[in-house]
C-alpha cells in the first residue's frame, strides 16, 4: 500500500461528526474511530444529561433545528458526517409515529440538506428493519441491496422514508449503511444489546428472549470500520448492508455471550413472538448479506469479527 496515499485518504475523513454520538452505537463507534487515529466529534441535544453521566460534554446539535446544525458545522468543521441519531425503539415508534417521523425523517432531511450546503460527505445509519422479515432467507438467500424495502412497522417505514430523502438529493456524496442488530461494549447510560438481557440475568431476574426472531447481529467496530473503508474507497451514492458473522436467534446469541462472560443463563425465558400478548413489532428474519460490502472495500480489506472474538473484546 502507498503510505503517502493512505495518509492522504485518512486526512480527508479524519474529523467525524457523529449525530447521536452519546448513544449506544455512537459511543462505541467513536471509540473505534479514536483507536484508528481519527477524531470523532460527539454531538447531542442533551448536554447536561450526558455531561453528568459520561464525564464528557458533547457538542450541541439538534437535528430538528437547522440553525443549530449550521452553527455546529461552522464551529467544528467536520470532514464527514455520520448520522446515527434516531428514534430507534420499535415499540415506542408504534406508540408515537408522529415523533418517529419527525426525528427519523425530518431530522435526516435537515442533516442531508446541510451536508449538501457545506459539501460534507454524509453516512446514514439505516437498519435491517426496512424489510418485513417474511422472505424465506434459507431458501432464497439473505436480504441484499437488490431487495425492495417493505417494512410493516413504523420504525422501518420511517427509515425507508429517510433513505429516500437522501437518495433524492442532487448532492451525491452520501452512503447509506444498513446495519443489522448492533452489539458492542457496555455504555452505562444507553440501553444496548445484549447488555439489557445480561444485566437482568446477573441480577437473577428472568429475561424473555425470542427463539423465532433471526438477525445477523453486527459488532459496532465492524460497522464503523466498514464506513471508514467505504469512505476511503469513495463508494458514494450507494446502499450497503452490514451484517454480522452469523444468522442467529436472540436466545442463542445471548447464550453464547454468557458462555464467554460466565453468566448464568438459567433465568432465560425462551419463547416465540406470538407468546407475548400485544407484541406489535414482529419481524421474523431480516438476515443481511454482506456480499456487496465485501466486494466493494478494496482500499482496506473489511472483515467480519467472529462472535466469540467480539465477546472477548467486549469484556476487556
C-alpha atoms as a PDB file:
ATOM      1  CA  UNK A   1       0.000   0.000   0.000  1.00  0.00           C
ATOM      2  CA  UNK A   2       1.228   3.523  -0.804  1.00  0.00           C
ATOM      3  CA  UNK A   3       1.783   5.073   2.648  1.00  0.00           C
ATOM      4  CA  UNK A   4       1.523   8.657   1.387  1.00  0.00           C
ATOM      5  CA  UNK A   5      -1.766   7.870  -0.387  1.00  0.00           C
ATOM      6  CA  UNK A   6      -3.071   6.129   2.745  1.00  0.00           C
ATOM      7  CA  UNK A   7      -2.246   9.129   4.943  1.00  0.00           C
ATOM      8  CA  UNK A   8      -3.950  11.485   2.489  1.00  0.00           C
ATOM      9  CA  UNK A   9      -7.107   9.369   2.444  1.00  0.00           C
ATOM     10  CA  UNK A  10      -7.165   9.255   6.247  1.00  0.00           C
ATOM     11  CA  UNK A  11      -6.797  13.027   6.468  1.00  0.00           C
ATOM     12  CA  UNK A  12      -9.773  13.541   4.155  1.00  0.00           C
ATOM     13  CA  UNK A  13     -12.112  11.825   6.616  1.00  0.00           C
ATOM     14  CA  UNK A  14     -10.302  12.432   9.904  1.00  0.00           C
ATOM     15  CA  UNK A  15     -12.919  14.601  11.679  1.00  0.00           C
ATOM     16  CA  UNK A  16     -16.159  12.652  12.028  1.00  0.00           C
ATOM     17  CA  UNK A  17     -19.232  14.428  13.374  1.00  0.00           C
ATOM     18  CA  UNK A  18     -21.485  11.807  14.963  1.00  0.00           C
ATOM     19  CA  UNK A  19     -25.130  12.716  15.495  1.00  0.00           C
ATOM     20  CA  UNK A  20     -26.480  10.669  18.374  1.00  0.00           C
ATOM     21  CA  UNK A  21     -22.877  10.375  19.487  1.00  0.00           C
ATOM     22  CA  UNK A  22     -23.764   9.647  23.107  1.00  0.00           C
ATOM     23  CA  UNK A  23     -25.981   6.705  22.170  1.00  0.00           C
ATOM     24  CA  UNK A  24     -25.015   3.032  22.274  1.00  0.00           C
ATOM     25  CA  UNK A  25     -23.889   2.950  18.651  1.00  0.00           C
ATOM     26  CA  UNK A  26     -22.390   6.438  18.576  1.00  0.00           C
ATOM     27  CA  UNK A  27     -20.270   5.974  21.689  1.00  0.00           C
ATOM     28  CA  UNK A  28     -18.900   2.608  20.563  1.00  0.00           C
ATOM     29  CA  UNK A  29     -18.223   3.934  17.050  1.00  0.00           C
ATOM     30  CA  UNK A  30     -16.412   6.986  18.455  1.00  0.00           C
ATOM     31  CA  UNK A  31     -14.115   4.753  20.496  1.00  0.00           C
ATOM     32  CA  UNK A  32     -13.290   2.731  17.380  1.00  0.00           C
ATOM     33  CA  UNK A  33     -12.504   5.883  15.401  1.00  0.00           C
ATOM     34  CA  UNK A  34     -10.131   7.050  18.158  1.00  0.00           C
ATOM     35  CA  UNK A  35      -8.301   3.723  18.041  1.00  0.00           C
ATOM     36  CA  UNK A  36      -7.848   4.268  14.294  1.00  0.00           C
ATOM     37  CA  UNK A  37      -6.277   7.698  14.829  1.00  0.00           C
ATOM     38  CA  UNK A  38      -9.384   9.605  13.736  1.00  0.00           C
ATOM     39  CA  UNK A  39     -11.152  12.412  15.603  1.00  0.00           C
ATOM     40  CA  UNK A  40     -14.817  11.838  16.498  1.00  0.00           C
ATOM     41  CA  UNK A  41     -16.882  14.941  17.218  1.00  0.00           C
ATOM     42  CA  UNK A  42     -19.604  13.655  19.520  1.00  0.00           C
ATOM     43  CA  UNK A  43     -22.835  15.632  19.326  1.00  0.00           C
ATOM     44  CA  UNK A  44     -26.061  15.599  21.295  1.00  0.00           C
ATOM     45  CA  UNK A  45     -29.029  17.831  22.069  1.00  0.00           C
ATOM     46  CA  UNK A  46     -28.942  16.759  25.755  1.00  0.00           C
ATOM     47  CA  UNK A  47     -25.708  18.250  27.050  1.00  0.00           C
ATOM     48  CA  UNK A  48     -26.423  18.404  30.772  1.00  0.00           C
ATOM     49  CA  UNK A  49     -27.620  14.817  30.987  1.00  0.00           C
ATOM     50  CA  UNK A  50     -24.605  13.317  29.268  1.00  0.00           C
ATOM     51  CA  UNK A  51     -22.017  15.609  30.848  1.00  0.00           C
ATOM     52  CA  UNK A  52     -23.102  14.290  34.239  1.00  0.00           C
ATOM     53  CA  UNK A  53     -23.292  10.628  33.217  1.00  0.00           C
ATOM     54  CA  UNK A  54     -20.343  10.246  30.861  1.00  0.00           C
ATOM     55  CA  UNK A  55     -17.893  12.747  32.259  1.00  0.00           C
ATOM     56  CA  UNK A  56     -17.692  14.249  28.776  1.00  0.00           C
ATOM     57  CA  UNK A  57     -19.517  17.211  27.305  1.00  0.00           C
ATOM     58  CA  UNK A  58     -20.684  16.586  23.745  1.00  0.00           C
ATOM     59  CA  UNK A  59     -21.051  19.428  21.275  1.00  0.00           C
ATOM     60  CA  UNK A  60     -24.572  20.769  20.904  1.00  0.00           C
ATOM     61  CA  UNK A  61     -26.540  19.756  17.835  1.00  0.00           C
ATOM     62  CA  UNK A  62     -30.301  19.370  17.473  1.00  0.00           C
ATOM     63  CA  UNK A  63     -31.155  17.571  14.234  1.00  0.00           C
ATOM     64  CA  UNK A  64     -34.596  19.222  14.230  1.00  0.00           C
ATOM     65  CA  UNK A  65     -33.065  22.715  14.283  1.00  0.00           C
ATOM     66  CA  UNK A  66     -31.213  23.734  11.130  1.00  0.00           C
ATOM     67  CA  UNK A  67     -29.713  26.767  12.849  1.00  0.00           C
ATOM     68  CA  UNK A  68     -28.024  24.552  15.446  1.00  0.00           C
ATOM     69  CA  UNK A  69     -26.791  22.182  12.737  1.00  0.00           C
ATOM     70  CA  UNK A  70     -25.289  25.025  10.725  1.00  0.00           C
ATOM     71  CA  UNK A  71     -23.636  26.518  13.815  1.00  0.00           C
ATOM     72  CA  UNK A  72     -22.117  23.138  14.691  1.00  0.00           C
ATOM     73  CA  UNK A  73     -20.754  22.605  11.182  1.00  0.00           C
ATOM     74  CA  UNK A  74     -19.210  26.079  11.080  1.00  0.00           C
ATOM     75  CA  UNK A  75     -17.633  25.793  14.512  1.00  0.00           C
ATOM     76  CA  UNK A  76     -16.271  22.243  14.369  1.00  0.00           C
ATOM     77  CA  UNK A  77     -15.605  21.846  10.616  1.00  0.00           C
ATOM     78  CA  UNK A  78     -16.101  18.089  10.303  1.00  0.00           C
ATOM     79  CA  UNK A  79     -14.777  16.335   7.211  1.00  0.00           C
ATOM     80  CA  UNK A  80     -17.561  13.718   7.303  1.00  0.00           C
ATOM     81  CA  UNK A  81     -20.970  13.434   8.980  1.00  0.00           C
ATOM     82  CA  UNK A  82     -22.094  10.114  10.474  1.00  0.00           C
ATOM     83  CA  UNK A  83     -25.842  10.478  11.011  1.00  0.00           C
ATOM     84  CA  UNK A  84     -26.749   7.940  13.681  1.00  0.00           C
ATOM     85  CA  UNK A  85     -29.298   9.921  15.738  1.00  0.00           C
ATOM     86  CA  UNK A  86     -32.698   8.246  15.594  1.00  0.00           C
ATOM     87  CA  UNK A  87     -35.850   7.343  17.454  1.00  0.00           C
ATOM     88  CA  UNK A  88     -34.927   3.699  17.235  1.00  0.00           C
ATOM     89  CA  UNK A  89     -37.069   1.755  19.718  1.00  0.00           C
ATOM     90  CA  UNK A  90     -39.581  -0.099  17.522  1.00  0.00           C
ATOM     91  CA  UNK A  91     -42.289  -0.452  20.178  1.00  0.00           C
ATOM     92  CA  UNK A  92     -42.011   3.234  21.111  1.00  0.00           C
ATOM     93  CA  UNK A  93     -42.260   4.183  17.433  1.00  0.00           C
ATOM     94  CA  UNK A  94     -45.527   2.248  17.160  1.00  0.00           C
ATOM     95  CA  UNK A  95     -46.934   4.266  20.064  1.00  0.00           C
ATOM     96  CA  UNK A  96     -45.791   7.634  18.708  1.00  0.00           C
ATOM     97  CA  UNK A  97     -45.493   7.506  14.906  1.00  0.00           C
ATOM     98  CA  UNK A  98     -45.550  11.310  14.611  1.00  0.00           C
ATOM     99  CA  UNK A  99     -42.432  11.648  16.762  1.00  0.00           C
ATOM    100  CA  UNK A 100     -40.780   8.768  14.898  1.00  0.00           C
ATOM    101  CA  UNK A 101     -41.396  10.589  11.606  1.00  0.00           C
ATOM    102  CA  UNK A 102     -40.154  13.907  12.959  1.00  0.00           C
ATOM    103  CA  UNK A 103     -36.889  12.514  14.321  1.00  0.00           C
ATOM    104  CA  UNK A 104     -36.122   9.866  11.731  1.00  0.00           C
ATOM    105  CA  UNK A 105     -37.337  11.595   8.567  1.00  0.00           C
ATOM    106  CA  UNK A 106     -37.371  15.352   9.197  1.00  0.00           C
ATOM    107  CA  UNK A 107     -34.130  15.134  11.182  1.00  0.00           C
ATOM    108  CA  UNK A 108     -32.468  13.300   8.313  1.00  0.00           C
ATOM    109  CA  UNK A 109     -33.798  15.812   5.785  1.00  0.00           C
ATOM    110  CA  UNK A 110     -32.222  18.600   7.825  1.00  0.00           C
ATOM    111  CA  UNK A 111     -28.880  16.830   8.131  1.00  0.00           C
ATOM    112  CA  UNK A 112     -28.518  15.892   4.458  1.00  0.00           C
ATOM    113  CA  UNK A 113     -29.571  19.401   3.358  1.00  0.00           C
ATOM    114  CA  UNK A 114     -26.835  20.993   5.483  1.00  0.00           C
ATOM    115  CA  UNK A 115     -24.295  18.351   4.450  1.00  0.00           C
ATOM    116  CA  UNK A 116     -25.015  19.302   0.841  1.00  0.00           C
ATOM    117  CA  UNK A 117     -24.767  23.027   1.583  1.00  0.00           C
ATOM    118  CA  UNK A 118     -21.363  22.577   3.266  1.00  0.00           C
ATOM    119  CA  UNK A 119     -20.238  19.846   0.819  1.00  0.00           C
ATOM    120  CA  UNK A 120     -19.510  17.339   3.591  1.00  0.00           C
ATOM    121  CA  UNK A 121     -19.669  13.582   2.840  1.00  0.00           C
ATOM    122  CA  UNK A 122     -22.640  12.031   4.629  1.00  0.00           C
ATOM    123  CA  UNK A 123     -23.070   8.489   6.016  1.00  0.00           C
ATOM    124  CA  UNK A 124     -26.520   7.437   7.161  1.00  0.00           C
ATOM    125  CA  UNK A 125     -27.010   4.515   9.533  1.00  0.00           C
ATOM    126  CA  UNK A 126     -30.134   2.660   8.458  1.00  0.00           C
ATOM    127  CA  UNK A 127     -31.438  -0.723   9.576  1.00  0.00           C
ATOM    128  CA  UNK A 128     -32.278  -4.273   8.573  1.00  0.00           C
ATOM    129  CA  UNK A 129     -35.815  -3.458   9.767  1.00  0.00           C
ATOM    130  CA  UNK A 130     -36.565  -1.708   6.471  1.00  0.00           C
ATOM    131  CA  UNK A 131     -37.594  -5.259   5.495  1.00  0.00           C
ATOM    132  CA  UNK A 132     -40.669  -7.052   6.821  1.00  0.00           C
ATOM    133  CA  UNK A 133     -38.828 -10.284   7.590  1.00  0.00           C
ATOM    134  CA  UNK A 134     -41.161 -12.567   5.666  1.00  0.00           C
ATOM    135  CA  UNK A 135     -38.670 -13.597   2.987  1.00  0.00           C
ATOM    136  CA  UNK A 136     -37.572 -17.248   3.176  1.00  0.00           C
ATOM    137  CA  UNK A 137     -33.879 -16.426   3.541  1.00  0.00           C
ATOM    138  CA  UNK A 138     -32.836 -20.053   3.899  1.00  0.00           C
ATOM    139  CA  UNK A 139     -34.386 -20.803   0.516  1.00  0.00           C
ATOM    140  CA  UNK A 140     -33.833 -17.510  -1.334  1.00  0.00           C
ATOM    141  CA  UNK A 141     -30.748 -16.122   0.383  1.00  0.00           C
ATOM    142  CA  UNK A 142     -30.245 -13.334   2.888  1.00  0.00           C
ATOM    143  CA  UNK A 143     -31.596  -9.862   2.151  1.00  0.00           C
ATOM    144  CA  UNK A 144     -29.442  -7.963  -0.340  1.00  0.00           C
ATOM    145  CA  UNK A 145     -29.420  -4.369  -1.529  1.00  0.00           C
ATOM    146  CA  UNK A 146     -31.458  -5.528  -4.553  1.00  0.00           C
ATOM    147  CA  UNK A 147     -34.418  -6.422  -2.313  1.00  0.00           C
ATOM    148  CA  UNK A 148     -37.119  -3.749  -2.129  1.00  0.00           C
ATOM    149  CA  UNK A 149     -37.673  -2.334   1.384  1.00  0.00           C
ATOM    150  CA  UNK A 150     -41.162  -3.290   2.563  1.00  0.00           C
ATOM    151  CA  UNK A 151     -41.363  -2.672   6.314  1.00  0.00           C
ATOM    152  CA  UNK A 152     -44.635  -3.218   8.156  1.00  0.00           C
ATOM    153  CA  UNK A 153     -43.537  -1.499  11.373  1.00  0.00           C
ATOM    154  CA  UNK A 154     -43.387   2.270  11.925  1.00  0.00           C
ATOM    155  CA  UNK A 155     -39.664   2.375  12.691  1.00  0.00           C
ATOM    156  CA  UNK A 156     -38.804   0.575   9.465  1.00  0.00           C
ATOM    157  CA  UNK A 157     -41.158   2.776   7.447  1.00  0.00           C
ATOM    158  CA  UNK A 158     -39.539   5.960   8.772  1.00  0.00           C
ATOM    159  CA  UNK A 159     -36.072   4.674   7.931  1.00  0.00           C
ATOM    160  CA  UNK A 160     -37.227   3.859   4.390  1.00  0.00           C
ATOM    161  CA  UNK A 161     -38.561   7.405   4.074  1.00  0.00           C
ATOM    162  CA  UNK A 162     -35.275   8.791   5.389  1.00  0.00           C
ATOM    163  CA  UNK A 163     -33.303   6.719   2.867  1.00  0.00           C
ATOM    164  CA  UNK A 164     -35.450   8.105   0.045  1.00  0.00           C
ATOM    165  CA  UNK A 165     -34.825  11.681   1.214  1.00  0.00           C
ATOM    166  CA  UNK A 166     -31.111  11.045   0.853  1.00  0.00           C
ATOM    167  CA  UNK A 167     -31.345   9.246  -2.478  1.00  0.00           C
ATOM    168  CA  UNK A 168     -33.424  12.052  -3.994  1.00  0.00           C
ATOM    169  CA  UNK A 169     -30.736  14.649  -3.287  1.00  0.00           C
ATOM    170  CA  UNK A 170     -28.727  16.139  -6.143  1.00  0.00           C
ATOM    171  CA  UNK A 171     -25.830  16.049  -3.678  1.00  0.00           C
ATOM    172  CA  UNK A 172     -24.124  12.744  -4.345  1.00  0.00           C
ATOM    173  CA  UNK A 173     -21.604  12.350  -1.509  1.00  0.00           C
ATOM    174  CA  UNK A 174     -23.714  10.021   0.609  1.00  0.00           C
ATOM    175  CA  UNK A 175     -23.550   6.419   1.755  1.00  0.00           C
ATOM    176  CA  UNK A 176     -26.472   4.515   3.275  1.00  0.00           C
ATOM    177  CA  UNK A 177     -25.239   1.760   5.577  1.00  0.00           C
ATOM    178  CA  UNK A 178     -27.988  -0.635   6.659  1.00  0.00           C
ATOM    179  CA  UNK A 179     -26.876  -2.317   9.838  1.00  0.00           C
ATOM    180  CA  UNK A 180     -28.236  -5.449  11.407  1.00  0.00           C
ATOM    181  CA  UNK A 181     -28.977  -5.658  15.135  1.00  0.00           C
ATOM    182  CA  UNK A 182     -25.993  -3.892  16.744  1.00  0.00           C
ATOM    183  CA  UNK A 183     -23.964  -5.151  19.659  1.00  0.00           C
ATOM    184  CA  UNK A 184     -20.926  -3.775  21.433  1.00  0.00           C
ATOM    185  CA  UNK A 185     -19.315  -2.735  24.692  1.00  0.00           C
ATOM    186  CA  UNK A 186     -21.450  -1.640  27.608  1.00  0.00           C
ATOM    187  CA  UNK A 187     -22.486   2.021  27.661  1.00  0.00           C
ATOM    188  CA  UNK A 188     -23.710   2.771  31.164  1.00  0.00           C
ATOM    189  CA  UNK A 189     -26.223   5.468  30.190  1.00  0.00           C
ATOM    190  CA  UNK A 190     -27.534   3.869  26.957  1.00  0.00           C
ATOM    191  CA  UNK A 191     -29.503   0.665  26.558  1.00  0.00           C
ATOM    192  CA  UNK A 192     -27.790  -1.767  24.212  1.00  0.00           C
ATOM    193  CA  UNK A 193     -27.715  -5.382  23.110  1.00  0.00           C
ATOM    194  CA  UNK A 194     -27.001  -7.760  24.770  1.00  0.00           C
ATOM    195  CA  UNK A 195     -26.358  -5.746  27.935  1.00  0.00           C
ATOM    196  CA  UNK A 196     -30.039  -5.279  28.867  1.00  0.00           C
ATOM    197  CA  UNK A 197     -30.577  -9.051  28.862  1.00  0.00           C
ATOM    198  CA  UNK A 198     -27.284  -9.831  30.580  1.00  0.00           C
ATOM    199  CA  UNK A 199     -27.968  -7.269  33.334  1.00  0.00           C
ATOM    200  CA  UNK A 200     -31.291  -8.943  34.095  1.00  0.00           C
ATOM    201  CA  UNK A 201     -29.662 -12.364  34.223  1.00  0.00           C
ATOM    202  CA  UNK A 202     -26.885 -11.126  36.510  1.00  0.00           C
ATOM    203  CA  UNK A 203     -29.484  -9.720  38.882  1.00  0.00           C
ATOM    204  CA  UNK A 204     -31.277 -13.073  38.985  1.00  0.00           C
ATOM    205  CA  UNK A 205     -34.318 -11.773  37.142  1.00  0.00           C
ATOM    206  CA  UNK A 206     -35.955 -13.605  34.222  1.00  0.00           C
ATOM    207  CA  UNK A 207     -35.418 -12.192  30.748  1.00  0.00           C
ATOM    208  CA  UNK A 208     -37.679 -13.024  27.832  1.00  0.00           C
ATOM    209  CA  UNK A 209     -35.938 -13.698  24.531  1.00  0.00           C
ATOM    210  CA  UNK A 210     -37.317 -14.967  21.245  1.00  0.00           C
ATOM    211  CA  UNK A 211     -36.339 -18.187  19.509  1.00  0.00           C
ATOM    212  CA  UNK A 212     -38.109 -17.277  16.260  1.00  0.00           C
ATOM    213  CA  UNK A 213     -36.615 -13.838  15.516  1.00  0.00           C
ATOM    214  CA  UNK A 214     -33.482 -14.105  13.409  1.00  0.00           C
ATOM    215  CA  UNK A 215     -30.933 -11.393  12.697  1.00  0.00           C
ATOM    216  CA  UNK A 216     -27.291 -11.185  11.638  1.00  0.00           C
ATOM    217  CA  UNK A 217     -26.014  -9.177  14.653  1.00  0.00           C
ATOM    218  CA  UNK A 218     -23.264  -6.694  13.738  1.00  0.00           C
ATOM    219  CA  UNK A 219     -20.373  -5.759  16.031  1.00  0.00           C
ATOM    220  CA  UNK A 220     -20.250  -1.954  16.187  1.00  0.00           C
ATOM    221  CA  UNK A 221     -16.489  -1.677  15.494  1.00  0.00           C
ATOM    222  CA  UNK A 222     -17.127  -3.670  12.298  1.00  0.00           C
ATOM    223  CA  UNK A 223     -19.835  -1.200  11.254  1.00  0.00           C
ATOM    224  CA  UNK A 224     -17.546   1.752  11.990  1.00  0.00           C
ATOM    225  CA  UNK A 225     -14.698   0.144  10.054  1.00  0.00           C
ATOM    226  CA  UNK A 226     -16.997  -0.564   7.093  1.00  0.00           C
ATOM    227  CA  UNK A 227     -17.812   3.134   6.991  1.00  0.00           C
ATOM    228  CA  UNK A 228     -14.124   4.061   7.005  1.00  0.00           C
ATOM    229  CA  UNK A 229     -13.402   1.629   4.175  1.00  0.00           C
ATOM    230  CA  UNK A 230     -16.292   2.856   2.036  1.00  0.00           C
ATOM    231  CA  UNK A 231     -15.312   6.492   2.525  1.00  0.00           C
ATOM    232  CA  UNK A 232     -11.699   5.889   1.604  1.00  0.00           C
ATOM    233  CA  UNK A 233     -12.771   3.927  -1.428  1.00  0.00           C
ATOM    234  CA  UNK A 234     -15.101   6.773  -2.434  1.00  0.00           C
ATOM    235  CA  UNK A 235     -18.142   4.471  -2.628  1.00  0.00           C
ATOM    236  CA  UNK A 236     -20.701   7.256  -2.683  1.00  0.00           C
ATOM    237  CA  UNK A 237     -24.301   7.184  -3.878  1.00  0.00           C
ATOM    238  CA  UNK A 238     -24.852   3.576  -2.834  1.00  0.00           C
ATOM    239  CA  UNK A 239     -26.679   1.472  -0.244  1.00  0.00           C
ATOM    240  CA  UNK A 240     -24.673  -1.182   1.592  1.00  0.00           C
ATOM    241  CA  UNK A 241     -25.671  -3.920   4.019  1.00  0.00           C
ATOM    242  CA  UNK A 242     -23.519  -4.533   7.082  1.00  0.00           C
ATOM    243  CA  UNK A 243     -24.461  -7.699   8.899  1.00  0.00           C
ATOM    244  CA  UNK A 244     -22.508  -9.848  11.311  1.00  0.00           C
ATOM    245  CA  UNK A 245     -20.795 -13.190  11.239  1.00  0.00           C
ATOM    246  CA  UNK A 246     -23.863 -15.434  11.516  1.00  0.00           C
ATOM    247  CA  UNK A 247     -27.645 -15.668  11.273  1.00  0.00           C
ATOM    248  CA  UNK A 248     -28.845 -16.346  14.802  1.00  0.00           C
ATOM    249  CA  UNK A 249     -31.871 -16.022  17.095  1.00  0.00           C
ATOM    250  CA  UNK A 250     -31.746 -13.851  20.211  1.00  0.00           C
ATOM    251  CA  UNK A 251     -31.759 -16.744  22.684  1.00  0.00           C
ATOM    252  CA  UNK A 252     -28.784 -18.439  21.076  1.00  0.00           C
ATOM    253  CA  UNK A 253     -26.873 -15.167  20.794  1.00  0.00           C
ATOM    254  CA  UNK A 254     -27.274 -14.301  24.470  1.00  0.00           C
ATOM    255  CA  UNK A 255     -26.442 -17.879  25.483  1.00  0.00           C
ATOM    256  CA  UNK A 256     -23.178 -17.720  23.530  1.00  0.00           C
ATOM    257  CA  UNK A 257     -22.262 -14.355  25.023  1.00  0.00           C
ATOM    258  CA  UNK A 258     -22.992 -15.622  28.521  1.00  0.00           C
ATOM    259  CA  UNK A 259     -20.805 -18.681  27.931  1.00  0.00           C
ATOM    260  CA  UNK A 260     -17.837 -16.369  27.288  1.00  0.00           C
ATOM    261  CA  UNK A 261     -18.780 -13.962  30.102  1.00  0.00           C
ATOM    262  CA  UNK A 262     -19.529 -16.747  32.625  1.00  0.00           C
ATOM    263  CA  UNK A 263     -23.082 -15.555  33.256  1.00  0.00           C
ATOM    264  CA  UNK A 264     -25.783 -17.956  34.487  1.00  0.00           C
ATOM    265  CA  UNK A 265     -28.468 -18.444  31.818  1.00  0.00           C
ATOM    266  CA  UNK A 266     -30.983 -20.412  33.865  1.00  0.00           C
ATOM    267  CA  UNK A 267     -33.378 -17.426  34.004  1.00  0.00           C
ATOM    268  CA  UNK A 268     -33.698 -17.048  30.236  1.00  0.00           C
ATOM    269  CA  UNK A 269     -37.363 -17.333  29.294  1.00  0.00           C
ATOM    270  CA  UNK A 270     -37.158 -18.657  25.730  1.00  0.00           C
ATOM    271  CA  UNK A 271     -40.366 -18.183  23.775  1.00  0.00           C
ATOM    272  CA  UNK A 272     -41.759 -17.279  20.378  1.00  0.00           C
ATOM    273  CA  UNK A 273     -43.051 -13.819  19.484  1.00  0.00           C
ATOM    274  CA  UNK A 274     -46.664 -14.996  19.370  1.00  0.00           C
ATOM    275  CA  UNK A 275     -46.401 -15.926  23.072  1.00  0.00           C
ATOM    276  CA  UNK A 276     -46.120 -12.244  24.049  1.00  0.00           C
ATOM    277  CA  UNK A 277     -49.529 -10.504  24.112  1.00  0.00           C
ATOM    278  CA  UNK A 278     -49.771  -7.259  22.155  1.00  0.00           C
ATOM    279  CA  UNK A 279     -46.252  -7.572  20.770  1.00  0.00           C
ATOM    280  CA  UNK A 280     -46.692  -5.316  17.732  1.00  0.00           C
ATOM    281  CA  UNK A 281     -43.273  -5.340  16.067  1.00  0.00           C
ATOM    282  CA  UNK A 282     -42.950  -8.938  14.935  1.00  0.00           C
ATOM    283  CA  UNK A 283     -40.156  -9.258  12.385  1.00  0.00           C
ATOM    284  CA  UNK A 284     -39.131 -12.858  11.902  1.00  0.00           C
ATOM    285  CA  UNK A 285     -35.983 -12.928   9.788  1.00  0.00           C
ATOM    286  CA  UNK A 286     -34.104  -9.937   8.363  1.00  0.00           C
ATOM    287  CA  UNK A 287     -30.711 -11.583   7.921  1.00  0.00           C
ATOM    288  CA  UNK A 288     -28.453  -9.365   5.794  1.00  0.00           C
ATOM    289  CA  UNK A 289     -25.963 -10.370   3.132  1.00  0.00           C
ATOM    290  CA  UNK A 290     -22.548  -8.652   3.296  1.00  0.00           C
ATOM    291  CA  UNK A 291     -21.580  -9.683  -0.230  1.00  0.00           C
ATOM    292  CA  UNK A 292     -21.723  -6.197  -1.772  1.00  0.00           C
ATOM    293  CA  UNK A 293     -19.765  -4.654   1.091  1.00  0.00           C
ATOM    294  CA  UNK A 294     -17.086  -7.334   0.907  1.00  0.00           C
ATOM    295  CA  UNK A 295     -16.881  -6.843  -2.848  1.00  0.00           C
ATOM    296  CA  UNK A 296     -16.510  -3.071  -2.654  1.00  0.00           C
ATOM    297  CA  UNK A 297     -13.958  -2.443   0.083  1.00  0.00           C
ATOM    298  CA  UNK A 298     -10.749  -2.680  -1.918  1.00  0.00           C
ATOM    299  CA  UNK A 299      -8.756   0.109  -0.273  1.00  0.00           C
ATOM    300  CA  UNK A 300      -8.673  -1.710   3.069  1.00  0.00           C
ATOM    301  CA  UNK A 301      -9.893  -5.261   3.312  1.00  0.00           C
ATOM    302  CA  UNK A 302     -13.008  -5.322   5.514  1.00  0.00           C
ATOM    303  CA  UNK A 303     -13.717  -8.418   7.572  1.00  0.00           C
ATOM    304  CA  UNK A 304     -16.403  -9.565   9.975  1.00  0.00           C
ATOM    305  CA  UNK A 305     -15.363 -10.311  13.556  1.00  0.00           C
ATOM    306  CA  UNK A 306     -16.481 -13.759  14.778  1.00  0.00           C
ATOM    307  CA  UNK A 307     -18.942 -13.552  17.653  1.00  0.00           C
ATOM    308  CA  UNK A 308     -16.732 -15.114  20.329  1.00  0.00           C
ATOM    309  CA  UNK A 309     -13.801 -12.876  19.358  1.00  0.00           C
ATOM    310  CA  UNK A 310     -16.066  -9.834  19.672  1.00  0.00           C
ATOM    311  CA  UNK A 311     -17.411 -11.051  23.029  1.00  0.00           C
ATOM    312  CA  UNK A 312     -13.897 -11.379  24.434  1.00  0.00           C
ATOM    313  CA  UNK A 313     -13.036  -7.866  23.251  1.00  0.00           C
ATOM    314  CA  UNK A 314     -16.189  -6.512  24.888  1.00  0.00           C
ATOM    315  CA  UNK A 315     -15.131  -7.961  28.227  1.00  0.00           C
ATOM    316  CA  UNK A 316     -11.637  -6.408  28.268  1.00  0.00           C
END
